[in-house]
């Protein structure tokens, strides 16, 4: 074994390097039978008067006592519906006061919560219903009809419950959390789960172009609630912009309670000025968002108007915030620590984090209970400093796999059990990690991983399209925009505008062909017959 290199520049960056492996600080977290939602329930009951959540637009608040009582009532209702440990409950929602209560209630009884994007396309809705076969789906009123229609097309007898009120549907307020016996609530006991039992299934884009169901265990969530993981959140008033369709949104919901912090609930919103107003109104101190919002703040004049004096920390996640934007934000907001983190859905944790001493342009140092190596893809050799290769990972919180997809689960790991991140990266002599590029084909639009395959699947359903391929083209603000290359059917006519409208009508906003459409006589292919996206990118440049 090589001589270990240690780093103690910051109490947030304790790690060592052995045999070209970055090894984060090792925290002892025993594997014991525990329901992570029960841990949260105990925290809620310990401070009943504490205001845990505030809706930014309505001002409505939920104390820990409210959250405790309503989540238990949700669990009691689910049991009355015949939901058992291991059953799957869908949660298709935006940011609101009700979503986390359903997540908790589901997990109290040992069932599994499957979170979805509330802007699912009909095709993806059918796919997820087929994949996980949820017994019940909780959703918002704007998504209820499309989910009901998808279930009908699949021949599923699915109960859809709305988090708000909608005629013709049972609702959380009117049906789920009403009319429960006080004694049943007071005497409620959580189901004791095993550490490796699945707690949640969150969506992750797959190489086939359809989302995969990433299974995260109770132990994974338990690790994320460790006090050392959450010390930077303690006592803060927080905004977490991503919804629980991202693993980040789910993890932060638990971590905020573990840190005894307050959460300001902001519905999906791309309005940068609205966020500034909310931050000032509620004196927000901690703001977690994606680079797209931070780029908008930087390129606008809003930070000349809003100085955001209460804010102490801005955490950028979902994609890498470029150095120039970090510099601009720190210049405009010198009182705020603006930081990049790096993590993946499959690891279910923050894998690298910047500290106040890390260099701009990096994603910081390897986190506790995480191991990283940079691998030469041809030789499988673990590379030393300043050499670019694929970043691979091992963590205590690693996913259990992809639901009902053993082949993709196997492909996600190398022969030694290291997770393929799909990212090209390197680390410098000090052990700071730099993300260079992505190996995968996914399009990074405003921090959302857009699947080219899903757009392609829709395009080829058009009668005038023979074949289609989609790539991401660079954009200064959006990072990348989807662009389609289309081989038309012989003797068929279709225009760029018609195809752009076709996708806009049938897919979520982030899948729109903002990069346009290029018609080609044929699509370039590799020797194995696959479409060559590399050649398509070269065609775009030309």
Foldseek 3Di string as FASTA:
>chain_A
DDDKAFDPPDPFFTWIADQQKTAAAADDDDFDFAQLLVVLLVLLVVFQQAFAEAALPPRDTHHSVNLNLLLCLLLVLCVVVVDAAAAEEEEAEWWDPCRVSNLSSCSQRNYEYEYAHLQFFLVLLLVVCVQRVHQEYEYAPVSQVSNVVSCVVVVHPYQYEYCDDDPPHHYSVPPRSPDDDPVCSVPDGGDTGGQARFHYWAWDADQLLHTFTFTFGSVLLVVCLPCVNQVVLAAFEEEAQGDVSALVNVSVSSNNSSNSYHYHTYTHDLDLLSVLVSCVVVLGAEYEDALLSLVVVLVDCVLVVRQSVSYAEYEHDLDDNALVSLVSVCVSHVNYHYWYFDDDRQQSGTQAIDDPPDDRQFRHAGGYQKMWFFAAPVPRRGDHAPDKHWIWIDGPRGTPATRPCVPRRVVQADPVGIGGPQWIWGAHPSRTIHTDGGNGQFAQFRSDGRRQSVLQVQLCVDQFFPGKTWGWDQDPNRRTAIEMETETDPPDDDDFVRSQVSCVVRGDPRNRRPVTYHYDNDFDADPVGHGDVVVVNVVVVD
